[in-house]
Amino acid sequence: MRVIAIRTLREFWKYHPDCEQQLKAWFKEAESALWKNSNELKSEYPNASILDDNRICFNIKGNHYRLIVKINFSHQIIWIRFIGTHSEYDKINANKI
């Protein structure tokens, strides 16, 4: 899959270096993934939450951080929509971001 906005992750791990390696690992896995739908994604990431409008929420570093992406499965594109701490996540509408 093509992951758009890797810069968002880079900027985040600059201020939260404890999650850098896990975000890099997620990026590498996502980039090589060929998911056709959210069910295939869930088989690899059972703790991911499926949200509205093809958004997925991933728990990063033992649920200390949340990563929200929007996926177009037919075009194999992932847009990074949000990365933040659990408390920052609680302040947003994950289905709309």
PDB file of N, CA and C in Angstrom:
ATOM      1  N   MET A   1       0.840  -1.173   0.000  1.00  0.00           N
ATOM      2  CA  MET A   1       0.000   0.000   0.000  1.00  0.00           C
ATOM      3  C   MET A   1       0.888   1.240   0.000  1.00  0.00           C
ATOM      4  N   ARG A   2       0.344   2.275  -0.538  1.00  0.00           N
ATOM      5  CA  ARG A   2       1.041   3.561  -0.527  1.00  0.00           C
ATOM      6  C   ARG A   2       0.581   4.326   0.715  1.00  0.00           C
ATOM      7  N   VAL A   3       1.526   4.730   1.540  1.00  0.00           N
ATOM      8  CA  VAL A   3       1.215   5.454   2.773  1.00  0.00           C
ATOM      9  C   VAL A   3       1.517   6.928   2.550  1.00  0.00           C
ATOM     10  N   ILE A   4       0.482   7.750   2.725  1.00  0.00           N
ATOM     11  CA  ILE A   4       0.616   9.194   2.507  1.00  0.00           C
ATOM     12  C   ILE A   4       0.722   9.901   3.857  1.00  0.00           C
ATOM     13  N   ALA A   5       1.687  10.786   3.914  1.00  0.00           N
ATOM     14  CA  ALA A   5       1.921  11.662   5.071  1.00  0.00           C
ATOM     15  C   ALA A   5       2.808  11.011   6.128  1.00  0.00           C
ATOM     16  N   ILE A   6       3.834  10.293   5.679  1.00  0.00           N
ATOM     17  CA  ILE A   6       4.812   9.742   6.622  1.00  0.00           C
ATOM     18  C   ILE A   6       5.450  10.861   7.446  1.00  0.00           C
ATOM     19  N   ARG A   7       5.501  12.057   6.881  1.00  0.00           N
ATOM     20  CA  ARG A   7       6.068  13.199   7.606  1.00  0.00           C
ATOM     21  C   ARG A   7       5.345  13.422   8.934  1.00  0.00           C
ATOM     22  N   THR A   8       4.050  13.158   8.960  1.00  0.00           N
ATOM     23  CA  THR A   8       3.279  13.292  10.198  1.00  0.00           C
ATOM     24  C   THR A   8       3.861  12.391  11.280  1.00  0.00           C
ATOM     25  N   LEU A   9       4.210  11.166  10.908  1.00  0.00           N
ATOM     26  CA  LEU A   9       4.800  10.241  11.877  1.00  0.00           C
ATOM     27  C   LEU A   9       6.186  10.713  12.307  1.00  0.00           C
ATOM     28  N   ARG A  10       6.981  11.156  11.351  1.00  0.00           N
ATOM     29  CA  ARG A  10       8.335  11.636  11.676  1.00  0.00           C
ATOM     30  C   ARG A  10       8.293  12.804  12.661  1.00  0.00           C
ATOM     31  N   GLU A  11       7.399  13.740  12.403  1.00  0.00           N
ATOM     32  CA  GLU A  11       7.266  14.888  13.307  1.00  0.00           C
ATOM     33  C   GLU A  11       6.843  14.431  14.697  1.00  0.00           C
ATOM     34  N   PHE A  12       5.976  13.441  14.755  1.00  0.00           N
ATOM     35  CA  PHE A  12       5.490  12.966  16.044  1.00  0.00           C
ATOM     36  C   PHE A  12       6.598  12.272  16.824  1.00  0.00           C
ATOM     37  N   TRP A  13       7.339  11.367  16.179  1.00  0.00           N
ATOM     38  CA  TRP A  13       8.357  10.645  16.937  1.00  0.00           C
ATOM     39  C   TRP A  13       9.553  11.523  17.295  1.00  0.00           C
ATOM     40  N   LYS A  14       9.657  12.678  16.663  1.00  0.00           N
ATOM     41  CA  LYS A  14      10.697  13.630  17.074  1.00  0.00           C
ATOM     42  C   LYS A  14      10.436  14.087  18.514  1.00  0.00           C
ATOM     43  N   TYR A  15       9.156  14.247  18.872  1.00  0.00           N
ATOM     44  CA  TYR A  15       8.778  14.687  20.212  1.00  0.00           C
ATOM     45  C   TYR A  15       8.427  13.532  21.142  1.00  0.00           C
ATOM     46  N   HIS A  16       8.219  12.358  20.565  1.00  0.00           N
ATOM     47  CA  HIS A  16       7.894  11.154  21.338  1.00  0.00           C
ATOM     48  C   HIS A  16       8.792  10.013  20.856  1.00  0.00           C
ATOM     49  N   PRO A  17      10.091  10.095  21.139  1.00  0.00           N
ATOM     50  CA  PRO A  17      11.032   9.111  20.597  1.00  0.00           C
ATOM     51  C   PRO A  17      10.795   7.685  21.090  1.00  0.00           C
ATOM     52  N   ASP A  18      10.047   7.527  22.172  1.00  0.00           N
ATOM     53  CA  ASP A  18       9.781   6.185  22.678  1.00  0.00           C
ATOM     54  C   ASP A  18       8.920   5.348  21.737  1.00  0.00           C
ATOM     55  N   CYS A  19       8.247   5.979  20.779  1.00  0.00           N
ATOM     56  CA  CYS A  19       7.402   5.224  19.847  1.00  0.00           C
ATOM     57  C   CYS A  19       7.986   5.172  18.436  1.00  0.00           C
ATOM     58  N   GLU A  20       9.175   5.719  18.243  1.00  0.00           N
ATOM     59  CA  GLU A  20       9.755   5.782  16.896  1.00  0.00           C
ATOM     60  C   GLU A  20       9.876   4.405  16.250  1.00  0.00           C
ATOM     61  N   GLN A  21      10.452   3.457  16.955  1.00  0.00           N
ATOM     62  CA  GLN A  21      10.671   2.137  16.353  1.00  0.00           C
ATOM     63  C   GLN A  21       9.357   1.436  16.022  1.00  0.00           C
ATOM     64  N   GLN A  22       8.364   1.566  16.883  1.00  0.00           N
ATOM     65  CA  GLN A  22       7.087   0.921  16.600  1.00  0.00           C
ATOM     66  C   GLN A  22       6.384   1.587  15.425  1.00  0.00           C
ATOM     67  N   LEU A  23       6.463   2.902  15.305  1.00  0.00           N
ATOM     68  CA  LEU A  23       5.862   3.584  14.156  1.00  0.00           C
ATOM     69  C   LEU A  23       6.584   3.227  12.865  1.00  0.00           C
ATOM     70  N   LYS A  24       7.894   3.111  12.922  1.00  0.00           N
ATOM     71  CA  LYS A  24       8.647   2.688  11.736  1.00  0.00           C
ATOM     72  C   LYS A  24       8.261   1.269  11.330  1.00  0.00           C
ATOM     73  N   ALA A  25       8.097   0.392  12.310  1.00  0.00           N
ATOM     74  CA  ALA A  25       7.688  -0.987  12.019  1.00  0.00           C
ATOM     75  C   ALA A  25       6.289  -1.011  11.418  1.00  0.00           C
ATOM     76  N   TRP A  26       5.358  -0.215  11.991  1.00  0.00           N
ATOM     77  CA  TRP A  26       4.000  -0.154  11.436  1.00  0.00           C
ATOM     78  C   TRP A  26       4.053   0.332   9.990  1.00  0.00           C
ATOM     79  N   PHE A  27       4.833   1.387   9.730  1.00  0.00           N
ATOM     80  CA  PHE A  27       4.936   1.938   8.383  1.00  0.00           C
ATOM     81  C   PHE A  27       5.452   0.885   7.401  1.00  0.00           C
ATOM     82  N   LYS A  28       6.478   0.173   7.776  1.00  0.00           N
ATOM     83  CA  LYS A  28       7.053  -0.854   6.901  1.00  0.00           C
ATOM     84  C   LYS A  28       6.029  -1.950   6.599  1.00  0.00           C
ATOM     85  N   GLU A  29       5.303  -2.393   7.624  1.00  0.00           N
ATOM     86  CA  GLU A  29       4.275  -3.419   7.434  1.00  0.00           C
ATOM     87  C   GLU A  29       3.142  -2.904   6.560  1.00  0.00           C
ATOM     88  N   ALA A  30       2.698  -1.679   6.810  1.00  0.00           N
ATOM     89  CA  ALA A  30       1.594  -1.109   6.032  1.00  0.00           C
ATOM     90  C   ALA A  30       1.992  -0.922   4.577  1.00  0.00           C
ATOM     91  N   GLU A  31       3.218  -0.488   4.358  1.00  0.00           N
ATOM     92  CA  GLU A  31       3.696  -0.254   2.999  1.00  0.00           C
ATOM     93  C   GLU A  31       3.746  -1.547   2.176  1.00  0.00           C
ATOM     94  N   SER A  32       4.033  -2.650   2.826  1.00  0.00           N
ATOM     95  CA  SER A  32       4.113  -3.921   2.102  1.00  0.00           C
ATOM     96  C   SER A  32       2.791  -4.690   2.102  1.00  0.00           C
ATOM     97  N   ALA A  33       1.798  -4.198   2.825  1.00  0.00           N
ATOM     98  CA  ALA A  33       0.506  -4.886   2.923  1.00  0.00           C
ATOM     99  C   ALA A  33      -0.273  -4.810   1.613  1.00  0.00           C
ATOM    100  N   LEU A  34      -1.101  -5.815   1.406  1.00  0.00           N
ATOM    101  CA  LEU A  34      -1.995  -5.858   0.242  1.00  0.00           C
ATOM    102  C   LEU A  34      -3.430  -6.127   0.694  1.00  0.00           C
ATOM    103  N   TRP A  35      -3.844  -5.481   1.768  1.00  0.00           N
ATOM    104  CA  TRP A  35      -5.178  -5.703   2.305  1.00  0.00           C
ATOM    105  C   TRP A  35      -6.235  -5.330   1.276  1.00  0.00           C
ATOM    106  N   LYS A  36      -7.215  -6.197   1.127  1.00  0.00           N
ATOM    107  CA  LYS A  36      -8.327  -5.928   0.208  1.00  0.00           C
ATOM    108  C   LYS A  36      -9.531  -5.339   0.930  1.00  0.00           C
ATOM    109  N   ASN A  37      -9.568  -5.516   2.255  1.00  0.00           N
ATOM    110  CA  ASN A  37     -10.693  -5.015   3.044  1.00  0.00           C
ATOM    111  C   ASN A  37     -10.291  -4.983   4.521  1.00  0.00           C
ATOM    112  N   SER A  38     -11.176  -4.446   5.335  1.00  0.00           N
ATOM    113  CA  SER A  38     -10.866  -4.306   6.759  1.00  0.00           C
ATOM    114  C   SER A  38     -10.772  -5.654   7.468  1.00  0.00           C
ATOM    115  N   ASN A  39     -11.455  -6.676   6.962  1.00  0.00           N
ATOM    116  CA  ASN A  39     -11.357  -8.001   7.580  1.00  0.00           C
ATOM    117  C   ASN A  39      -9.949  -8.564   7.457  1.00  0.00           C
ATOM    118  N   GLU A  40      -9.327  -8.372   6.305  1.00  0.00           N
ATOM    119  CA  GLU A  40      -7.951  -8.833   6.124  1.00  0.00           C
ATOM    120  C   GLU A  40      -7.006  -8.066   7.050  1.00  0.00           C
ATOM    121  N   LEU A  41      -7.229  -6.777   7.182  1.00  0.00           N
ATOM    122  CA  LEU A  41      -6.414  -5.970   8.086  1.00  0.00           C
ATOM    123  C   LEU A  41      -6.571  -6.468   9.519  1.00  0.00           C
ATOM    124  N   LYS A  42      -7.808  -6.722   9.939  1.00  0.00           N
ATOM    125  CA  LYS A  42      -8.077  -7.184  11.305  1.00  0.00           C
ATOM    126  C   LYS A  42      -7.431  -8.533  11.588  1.00  0.00           C
ATOM    127  N   SER A  43      -7.265  -9.360  10.560  1.00  0.00           N
ATOM    128  CA  SER A  43      -6.614 -10.650  10.793  1.00  0.00           C
ATOM    129  C   SER A  43      -5.145 -10.458  11.168  1.00  0.00           C
ATOM    130  N   GLU A  44      -4.521  -9.393  10.701  1.00  0.00           N
ATOM    131  CA  GLU A  44      -3.134  -9.084  11.060  1.00  0.00           C
ATOM    132  C   GLU A  44      -3.039  -8.194  12.296  1.00  0.00           C
ATOM    133  N   TYR A  45      -4.019  -7.336  12.484  1.00  0.00           N
ATOM    134  CA  TYR A  45      -4.044  -6.400  13.611  1.00  0.00           C
ATOM    135  C   TYR A  45      -5.367  -6.561  14.368  1.00  0.00           C
ATOM    136  N   PRO A  46      -5.505  -7.628  15.148  1.00  0.00           N
ATOM    137  CA  PRO A  46      -6.789  -7.874  15.818  1.00  0.00           C
ATOM    138  C   PRO A  46      -7.200  -6.790  16.810  1.00  0.00           C
ATOM    139  N   ASN A  47      -6.250  -6.005  17.312  1.00  0.00           N
ATOM    140  CA  ASN A  47      -6.592  -4.934  18.256  1.00  0.00           C
ATOM    141  C   ASN A  47      -6.926  -3.615  17.579  1.00  0.00           C
ATOM    142  N   ALA A  48      -6.816  -3.559  16.263  1.00  0.00           N
ATOM    143  CA  ALA A  48      -7.185  -2.339  15.538  1.00  0.00           C
ATOM    144  C   ALA A  48      -8.702  -2.163  15.610  1.00  0.00           C
ATOM    145  N   SER A  49      -9.131  -0.924  15.685  1.00  0.00           N
ATOM    146  CA  SER A  49     -10.569  -0.618  15.721  1.00  0.00           C
ATOM    147  C   SER A  49     -11.004  -0.104  14.360  1.00  0.00           C
ATOM    148  N   ILE A  50     -12.068  -0.687  13.839  1.00  0.00           N
ATOM    149  CA  ILE A  50     -12.632  -0.251  12.565  1.00  0.00           C
ATOM    150  C   ILE A  50     -13.618   0.870  12.871  1.00  0.00           C
ATOM    151  N   LEU A  51     -13.383   2.031  12.291  1.00  0.00           N
ATOM    152  CA  LEU A  51     -14.227   3.203  12.511  1.00  0.00           C
ATOM    153  C   LEU A  51     -15.054   3.478  11.258  1.00  0.00           C
ATOM    154  N   ASP A  52     -15.823   4.553  11.285  1.00  0.00           N
ATOM    155  CA  ASP A  52     -16.622   4.941  10.120  1.00  0.00           C
ATOM    156  C   ASP A  52     -15.733   5.395   8.969  1.00  0.00           C
ATOM    157  N   ASP A  53     -16.276   5.338   7.764  1.00  0.00           N
ATOM    158  CA  ASP A  53     -15.653   5.909   6.565  1.00  0.00           C
ATOM    159  C   ASP A  53     -14.241   5.379   6.311  1.00  0.00           C
ATOM    160  N   ASN A  54     -14.074   4.064   6.447  1.00  0.00           N
ATOM    161  CA  ASN A  54     -12.794   3.387   6.185  1.00  0.00           C
ATOM    162  C   ASN A  54     -11.639   3.909   7.025  1.00  0.00           C
ATOM    163  N   ARG A  55     -11.940   4.366   8.216  1.00  0.00           N
ATOM    164  CA  ARG A  55     -10.889   4.778   9.141  1.00  0.00           C
ATOM    165  C   ARG A  55     -10.578   3.613  10.074  1.00  0.00           C
ATOM    166  N   ILE A  56      -9.298   3.507  10.410  1.00  0.00           N
ATOM    167  CA  ILE A  56      -8.835   2.454  11.299  1.00  0.00           C
ATOM    168  C   ILE A  56      -8.013   3.108  12.397  1.00  0.00           C
ATOM    169  N   CYS A  57      -8.194   2.652  13.628  1.00  0.00           N
ATOM    170  CA  CYS A  57      -7.410   3.145  14.754  1.00  0.00           C
ATOM    171  C   CYS A  57      -6.486   2.021  15.231  1.00  0.00           C
ATOM    172  N   PHE A  58      -5.193   2.298  15.219  1.00  0.00           N
ATOM    173  CA  PHE A  58      -4.191   1.348  15.683  1.00  0.00           C
ATOM    174  C   PHE A  58      -3.678   1.792  17.047  1.00  0.00           C
ATOM    175  N   ASN A  59      -3.506   0.838  17.939  1.00  0.00           N
ATOM    176  CA  ASN A  59      -2.869   1.100  19.224  1.00  0.00           C
ATOM    177  C   ASN A  59      -1.365   0.997  19.020  1.00  0.00           C
ATOM    178  N   ILE A  60      -0.653   2.011  19.430  1.00  0.00           N
ATOM    179  CA  ILE A  60       0.795   2.057  19.267  1.00  0.00           C
ATOM    180  C   ILE A  60       1.457   2.044  20.642  1.00  0.00           C
ATOM    181  N   LYS A  61       2.479   1.247  20.758  1.00  0.00           N
ATOM    182  CA  LYS A  61       3.262   1.122  21.994  1.00  0.00           C
ATOM    183  C   LYS A  61       2.367   0.796  23.191  1.00  0.00           C
ATOM    184  N   GLY A  62       1.700  -0.328  23.074  1.00  0.00           N
ATOM    185  CA  GLY A  62       0.883  -0.790  24.192  1.00  0.00           C
ATOM    186  C   GLY A  62      -0.247   0.142  24.552  1.00  0.00           C
ATOM    187  N   ASN A  63      -0.852   0.750  23.555  1.00  0.00           N
ATOM    188  CA  ASN A  63      -2.000   1.638  23.732  1.00  0.00           C
ATOM    189  C   ASN A  63      -1.631   2.976  24.380  1.00  0.00           C
ATOM    190  N   HIS A  64      -0.349   3.329  24.395  1.00  0.00           N
ATOM    191  CA  HIS A  64       0.043   4.656  24.880  1.00  0.00           C
ATOM    192  C   HIS A  64      -0.270   5.727  23.839  1.00  0.00           C
ATOM    193  N   TYR A  65      -0.261   5.320  22.584  1.00  0.00           N
ATOM    194  CA  TYR A  65      -0.508   6.241  21.476  1.00  0.00           C
ATOM    195  C   TYR A  65      -1.562   5.644  20.561  1.00  0.00           C
ATOM    196  N   ARG A  66      -2.221   6.518  19.821  1.00  0.00           N
ATOM    197  CA  ARG A  66      -3.231   6.076  18.855  1.00  0.00           C
ATOM    198  C   ARG A  66      -2.892   6.641  17.488  1.00  0.00           C
ATOM    199  N   LEU A  67      -3.004   5.793  16.485  1.00  0.00           N
ATOM    200  CA  LEU A  67      -2.775   6.168  15.095  1.00  0.00           C
ATOM    201  C   LEU A  67      -4.067   5.929  14.333  1.00  0.00           C
ATOM    202  N   ILE A  68      -4.589   6.976  13.705  1.00  0.00           N
ATOM    203  CA  ILE A  68      -5.796   6.836  12.888  1.00  0.00           C
ATOM    204  C   ILE A  68      -5.410   7.046  11.440  1.00  0.00           C
ATOM    205  N   VAL A  69      -5.830   6.111  10.617  1.00  0.00           N
ATOM    206  CA  VAL A  69      -5.582   6.208   9.180  1.00  0.00           C
ATOM    207  C   VAL A  69      -6.906   6.039   8.453  1.00  0.00           C
ATOM    208  N   LYS A  70      -6.930   6.521   7.229  1.00  0.00           N
ATOM    209  CA  LYS A  70      -8.068   6.290   6.337  1.00  0.00           C
ATOM    210  C   LYS A  70      -7.524   5.475   5.174  1.00  0.00           C
ATOM    211  N   ILE A  71      -8.225   4.409   4.825  1.00  0.00           N
ATOM    212  CA  ILE A  71      -7.720   3.500   3.796  1.00  0.00           C
ATOM    213  C   ILE A  71      -8.688   3.414   2.629  1.00  0.00           C
ATOM    214  N   ASN A  72      -8.135   3.542   1.440  1.00  0.00           N
ATOM    215  CA  ASN A  72      -8.869   3.244   0.214  1.00  0.00           C
ATOM    216  C   ASN A  72      -8.328   1.898  -0.247  1.00  0.00           C
ATOM    217  N   PHE A  73      -9.068   0.841   0.064  1.00  0.00           N
ATOM    218  CA  PHE A  73      -8.597  -0.509  -0.225  1.00  0.00           C
ATOM    219  C   PHE A  73      -8.484  -0.766  -1.724  1.00  0.00           C
ATOM    220  N   SER A  74      -9.404  -0.246  -2.514  1.00  0.00           N
ATOM    221  CA  SER A  74      -9.370  -0.523  -3.957  1.00  0.00           C
ATOM    222  C   SER A  74      -8.175   0.130  -4.644  1.00  0.00           C
ATOM    223  N   HIS A  75      -7.721   1.277  -4.137  1.00  0.00           N
ATOM    224  CA  HIS A  75      -6.555   1.951  -4.714  1.00  0.00           C
ATOM    225  C   HIS A  75      -5.271   1.699  -3.922  1.00  0.00           C
ATOM    226  N   GLN A  76      -5.396   0.952  -2.813  1.00  0.00           N
ATOM    227  CA  GLN A  76      -4.239   0.597  -1.989  1.00  0.00           C
ATOM    228  C   GLN A  76      -3.501   1.832  -1.460  1.00  0.00           C
ATOM    229  N   ILE A  77      -4.284   2.770  -0.902  1.00  0.00           N
ATOM    230  CA  ILE A  77      -3.721   4.005  -0.358  1.00  0.00           C
ATOM    231  C   ILE A  77      -4.131   4.150   1.111  1.00  0.00           C
ATOM    232  N   ILE A  78      -3.165   4.519   1.933  1.00  0.00           N
ATOM    233  CA  ILE A  78      -3.403   4.808   3.348  1.00  0.00           C
ATOM    234  C   ILE A  78      -3.045   6.270   3.598  1.00  0.00           C
ATOM    235  N   TRP A  79      -3.981   7.010   4.181  1.00  0.00           N
ATOM    236  CA  TRP A  79      -3.723   8.396   4.581  1.00  0.00           C
ATOM    237  C   TRP A  79      -3.615   8.434   6.098  1.00  0.00           C
ATOM    238  N   ILE A  80      -2.537   8.976   6.597  1.00  0.00           N
ATOM    239  CA  ILE A  80      -2.402   9.153   8.036  1.00  0.00           C
ATOM    240  C   ILE A  80      -3.227  10.374   8.423  1.00  0.00           C
ATOM    241  N   ARG A  81      -4.192  10.166   9.304  1.00  0.00           N
ATOM    242  CA  ARG A  81      -5.110  11.237   9.685  1.00  0.00           C
ATOM    243  C   ARG A  81      -4.781  11.829  11.057  1.00  0.00           C
ATOM    244  N   PHE A  82      -4.231  10.991  11.962  1.00  0.00           N
ATOM    245  CA  PHE A  82      -3.967  11.457  13.329  1.00  0.00           C
ATOM    246  C   PHE A  82      -2.969  10.519  13.987  1.00  0.00           C
ATOM    247  N   ILE A  83      -2.067  11.086  14.753  1.00  0.00           N
ATOM    248  CA  ILE A  83      -1.227  10.324  15.680  1.00  0.00           C
ATOM    249  C   ILE A  83      -1.146  11.155  16.946  1.00  0.00           C
ATOM    250  N   GLY A  84      -1.384  10.524  18.073  1.00  0.00           N
ATOM    251  CA  GLY A  84      -1.359  11.278  19.320  1.00  0.00           C
ATOM    252  C   GLY A  84      -1.389  10.368  20.526  1.00  0.00           C
ATOM    253  N   THR A  85      -1.293  10.993  21.677  1.00  0.00           N
ATOM    254  CA  THR A  85      -1.376  10.245  22.925  1.00  0.00           C
ATOM    255  C   THR A  85      -2.822   9.795  23.136  1.00  0.00           C
ATOM    256  N   HIS A  86      -2.991   8.903  24.071  1.00  0.00           N
ATOM    257  CA  HIS A  86      -4.336   8.419  24.367  1.00  0.00           C
ATOM    258  C   HIS A  86      -5.231   9.574  24.817  1.00  0.00           C
ATOM    259  N   SER A  87      -4.705  10.482  25.624  1.00  0.00           N
ATOM    260  CA  SER A  87      -5.525  11.617  26.087  1.00  0.00           C
ATOM    261  C   SER A  87      -5.848  12.577  24.950  1.00  0.00           C
ATOM    262  N   GLU A  88      -4.928  12.770  24.001  1.00  0.00           N
ATOM    263  CA  GLU A  88      -5.217  13.610  22.831  1.00  0.00           C
ATOM    264  C   GLU A  88      -6.294  12.957  21.966  1.00  0.00           C
ATOM    265  N   TYR A  89      -6.220  11.655  21.838  1.00  0.00           N
ATOM    266  CA  TYR A  89      -7.214  10.905  21.069  1.00  0.00           C
ATOM    267  C   TYR A  89      -8.609  11.086  21.670  1.00  0.00           C
ATOM    268  N   ASP A  90      -8.687  11.082  22.982  1.00  0.00           N
ATOM    269  CA  ASP A  90      -9.980  11.228  23.658  1.00  0.00           C
ATOM    270  C   ASP A  90     -10.649  12.571  23.371  1.00  0.00           C
ATOM    271  N   LYS A  91      -9.893  13.559  22.897  1.00  0.00           N
ATOM    272  CA  LYS A  91     -10.431  14.898  22.640  1.00  0.00           C
ATOM    273  C   LYS A  91     -10.884  15.112  21.198  1.00  0.00           C
ATOM    274  N   ILE A  92     -10.683  14.121  20.335  1.00  0.00           N
ATOM    275  CA  ILE A  92     -11.049  14.284  18.925  1.00  0.00           C
ATOM    276  C   ILE A  92     -12.221  13.381  18.577  1.00  0.00           C
ATOM    277  N   ASN A  93     -12.819  13.644  17.430  1.00  0.00           N
ATOM    278  CA  ASN A  93     -13.834  12.748  16.883  1.00  0.00           C
ATOM    279  C   ASN A  93     -13.126  11.868  15.855  1.00  0.00           C
ATOM    280  N   ALA A  94     -12.778  10.678  16.254  1.00  0.00           N
ATOM    281  CA  ALA A  94     -11.983   9.777  15.410  1.00  0.00           C
ATOM    282  C   ALA A  94     -12.688   9.415  14.111  1.00  0.00           C
ATOM    283  N   ASN A  95     -14.011   9.477  14.096  1.00  0.00           N
ATOM    284  CA  ASN A  95     -14.762   9.143  12.883  1.00  0.00           C
ATOM    285  C   ASN A  95     -14.783  10.280  11.869  1.00  0.00           C
ATOM    286  N   LYS A  96     -14.348  11.452  12.275  1.00  0.00           N
ATOM    287  CA  LYS A  96     -14.414  12.618  11.386  1.00  0.00           C
ATOM    288  C   LYS A  96     -13.047  13.168  10.998  1.00  0.00           C
ATOM    289  N   ILE A  97     -12.032  12.842  11.756  1.00  0.00           N
ATOM    290  CA  ILE A  97     -10.719  13.446  11.529  1.00  0.00           C
ATOM    291  C   ILE A  97     -10.113  13.004  10.203  1.00  0.00           C
TER     292      ILE A  97
END
